[in-house]
């Protein structure tokens, strides 16, 4: 029964620690640009000159 109490205590410490870290990072503004970053892979590639093809040397 002692092991169960220790497991519950450690689990609660982990949950509280995770919540504290989440709210600290939230307050610091780390998640403000999450929407923009999630849409970034859907953006069109910039149009420009394609990379020049590598020239092969013929013997």
N, C-alpha and C. Protein backbone atom coordinates (compact mmCIF):
# COMPACT_ATOMS: atom_id res chain seq x y z
N UNK A 1 0.81 -1.19 0.00
CA UNK A 1 0.00 0.00 0.00
C UNK A 1 0.86 1.26 0.00
N UNK A 2 2.05 1.16 0.58
CA UNK A 2 2.95 2.31 0.60
C UNK A 2 3.39 2.69 -0.81
N UNK A 3 3.58 1.69 -1.66
CA UNK A 3 4.02 1.95 -3.03
C UNK A 3 2.94 2.71 -3.79
N UNK A 4 1.69 2.37 -3.54
CA UNK A 4 0.58 3.06 -4.20
C UNK A 4 0.53 4.53 -3.79
N UNK A 5 0.75 4.81 -2.54
CA UNK A 5 0.73 6.21 -2.06
C UNK A 5 1.90 7.00 -2.66
N UNK A 6 3.05 6.37 -2.78
CA UNK A 6 4.21 7.04 -3.38
C UNK A 6 3.95 7.30 -4.86
N UNK A 7 3.35 6.34 -5.55
CA UNK A 7 3.05 6.48 -6.97
C UNK A 7 2.06 7.63 -7.19
N UNK A 8 1.03 7.70 -6.37
CA UNK A 8 0.05 8.77 -6.49
C UNK A 8 0.71 10.12 -6.21
N UNK A 9 1.53 10.20 -5.20
CA UNK A 9 2.22 11.44 -4.85
C UNK A 9 3.14 11.89 -5.99
N UNK A 10 3.91 10.99 -6.55
CA UNK A 10 4.82 11.34 -7.65
C UNK A 10 4.02 11.75 -8.88
N UNK A 11 2.92 11.08 -9.15
CA UNK A 11 2.08 11.43 -10.29
C UNK A 11 1.50 12.83 -10.13
N UNK A 12 1.03 13.15 -8.94
CA UNK A 12 0.50 14.49 -8.70
C UNK A 12 1.59 15.55 -8.83
N UNK A 13 2.79 15.24 -8.37
CA UNK A 13 3.90 16.19 -8.54
C UNK A 13 4.20 16.43 -10.02
N UNK A 14 4.16 15.39 -10.82
CA UNK A 14 4.41 15.53 -12.26
C UNK A 14 3.32 16.36 -12.93
N UNK A 15 2.08 16.14 -12.55
CA UNK A 15 0.98 16.90 -13.13
C UNK A 15 1.10 18.38 -12.74
N UNK A 16 1.34 18.65 -11.48
CA UNK A 16 1.48 20.03 -11.03
C UNK A 16 2.69 20.69 -11.69
N UNK A 17 3.78 19.97 -11.81
CA UNK A 17 4.97 20.52 -12.48
C UNK A 17 4.70 20.82 -13.94
N UNK A 18 3.98 19.94 -14.63
CA UNK A 18 3.63 20.18 -16.02
C UNK A 18 2.73 21.39 -16.19
N UNK A 19 1.76 21.53 -15.29
CA UNK A 19 0.87 22.69 -15.36
C UNK A 19 1.62 23.99 -15.08
N UNK A 20 2.52 23.96 -14.12
CA UNK A 20 3.30 25.16 -13.81
C UNK A 20 4.16 25.55 -15.01
N UNK A 21 4.82 24.59 -15.63
CA UNK A 21 5.64 24.90 -16.80
C UNK A 21 4.79 25.41 -17.96
N UNK A 22 3.61 24.81 -18.15
CA UNK A 22 2.73 25.27 -19.23
C UNK A 22 2.32 26.72 -19.01
N UNK A 23 1.90 27.07 -17.80
CA UNK A 23 1.45 28.44 -17.56
C UNK A 23 2.60 29.44 -17.59
N UNK A 24 3.79 29.03 -17.20
CA UNK A 24 4.95 29.92 -17.31
C UNK A 24 5.25 30.20 -18.78
N UNK A 25 5.23 29.17 -19.60
CA UNK A 25 5.49 29.36 -21.04
C UNK A 25 4.36 30.13 -21.71
N UNK A 26 3.13 29.93 -21.27
CA UNK A 26 1.99 30.66 -21.81
C UNK A 26 2.13 32.15 -21.51
N UNK A 27 2.52 32.46 -20.30
CA UNK A 27 2.69 33.86 -19.91
C UNK A 27 3.85 34.49 -20.67
N UNK A 28 4.88 33.72 -20.99
CA UNK A 28 6.03 34.25 -21.72
C UNK A 28 5.72 34.49 -23.19
N UNK A 29 4.59 33.95 -23.68
CA UNK A 29 4.19 34.20 -25.06
C UNK A 29 4.74 33.21 -26.06
N UNK A 30 5.16 32.05 -25.62
CA UNK A 30 5.73 31.07 -26.54
C UNK A 30 4.69 30.47 -27.49
N UNK A 31 3.42 30.53 -27.13
CA UNK A 31 2.39 29.89 -27.94
C UNK A 31 1.61 30.88 -28.78
N UNK A 32 2.06 32.13 -28.85
CA UNK A 32 1.33 33.15 -29.59
C UNK A 32 1.36 32.93 -31.10
N UNK A 33 2.42 32.35 -31.60
CA UNK A 33 2.55 32.18 -33.04
C UNK A 33 2.26 30.74 -33.48
N UNK A 34 1.57 29.98 -32.67
CA UNK A 34 1.27 28.58 -33.00
C UNK A 34 0.38 28.43 -34.21
N UNK A 35 -0.60 29.32 -34.38
CA UNK A 35 -1.49 29.23 -35.54
C UNK A 35 -0.73 29.49 -36.83
N UNK A 36 0.16 30.47 -36.80
CA UNK A 36 0.92 30.78 -38.01
C UNK A 36 1.84 29.63 -38.39
N UNK A 37 2.48 29.03 -37.40
CA UNK A 37 3.39 27.93 -37.69
C UNK A 37 2.65 26.68 -38.17
N UNK A 38 1.41 26.48 -37.73
CA UNK A 38 0.67 25.31 -38.17
C UNK A 38 0.24 25.44 -39.62
N UNK A 39 0.09 26.66 -40.12
CA UNK A 39 -0.31 26.88 -41.51
C UNK A 39 0.88 27.04 -42.44
N UNK A 40 2.06 27.14 -41.92
CA UNK A 40 3.25 27.37 -42.73
C UNK A 40 3.49 26.28 -43.78
N UNK A 41 3.29 24.98 -43.48
CA UNK A 41 3.50 23.97 -44.52
C UNK A 41 2.52 24.08 -45.67
N UNK A 42 1.39 24.76 -45.51
CA UNK A 42 0.40 24.90 -46.56
C UNK A 42 0.70 26.07 -47.48
N UNK A 43 1.62 26.92 -47.10
CA UNK A 43 1.94 28.11 -47.91
C UNK A 43 2.66 27.68 -49.19
N UNK A 44 2.45 28.49 -50.23
CA UNK A 44 3.12 28.21 -51.50
C UNK A 44 4.61 28.46 -51.37
N UNK A 45 5.37 27.72 -52.14
CA UNK A 45 6.81 27.93 -52.17
C UNK A 45 7.10 29.25 -52.87
N UNK A 46 8.14 29.95 -52.44
CA UNK A 46 8.48 31.21 -53.11
C UNK A 46 8.93 30.93 -54.55
N UNK A 47 8.45 31.73 -55.48
CA UNK A 47 8.82 31.55 -56.88
C UNK A 47 10.12 32.29 -57.14
N UNK A 48 11.04 31.61 -57.69
CA UNK A 48 12.33 32.21 -58.00
C UNK A 48 13.03 31.34 -59.04
N UNK A 49 14.23 31.70 -59.32
CA UNK A 49 15.00 30.91 -60.27
C UNK A 49 15.29 29.55 -59.66
N UNK A 50 15.03 28.48 -60.43
CA UNK A 50 15.37 27.17 -59.89
C UNK A 50 16.88 27.00 -59.79
N UNK A 51 17.28 26.14 -58.94
CA UNK A 51 18.71 25.89 -58.76
C UNK A 51 19.28 25.33 -60.07
N UNK A 52 20.45 25.78 -60.44
CA UNK A 52 21.05 25.24 -61.66
C UNK A 52 21.39 23.77 -61.46
N UNK A 53 21.16 23.02 -62.51
CA UNK A 53 21.46 21.58 -62.43
C UNK A 53 22.98 21.38 -62.43
N UNK A 54 23.38 20.37 -61.72
CA UNK A 54 24.82 20.07 -61.66
C UNK A 54 25.26 19.53 -63.01
N UNK A 55 26.36 20.08 -63.49
CA UNK A 55 26.88 19.62 -64.78
C UNK A 55 27.71 18.37 -64.57
N UNK A 56 27.46 17.39 -65.41
CA UNK A 56 28.24 16.16 -65.33
C UNK A 56 29.39 16.24 -66.33
N UNK A 57 30.49 15.74 -65.91
CA UNK A 57 31.66 15.75 -66.80
C UNK A 57 31.67 14.45 -67.58
N UNK A 58 31.77 14.59 -68.89
CA UNK A 58 31.86 13.41 -69.74
C UNK A 58 33.31 13.15 -70.06
N UNK A 59 33.71 11.88 -70.05
CA UNK A 59 35.13 11.58 -70.33
C UNK A 59 35.51 11.79 -71.77
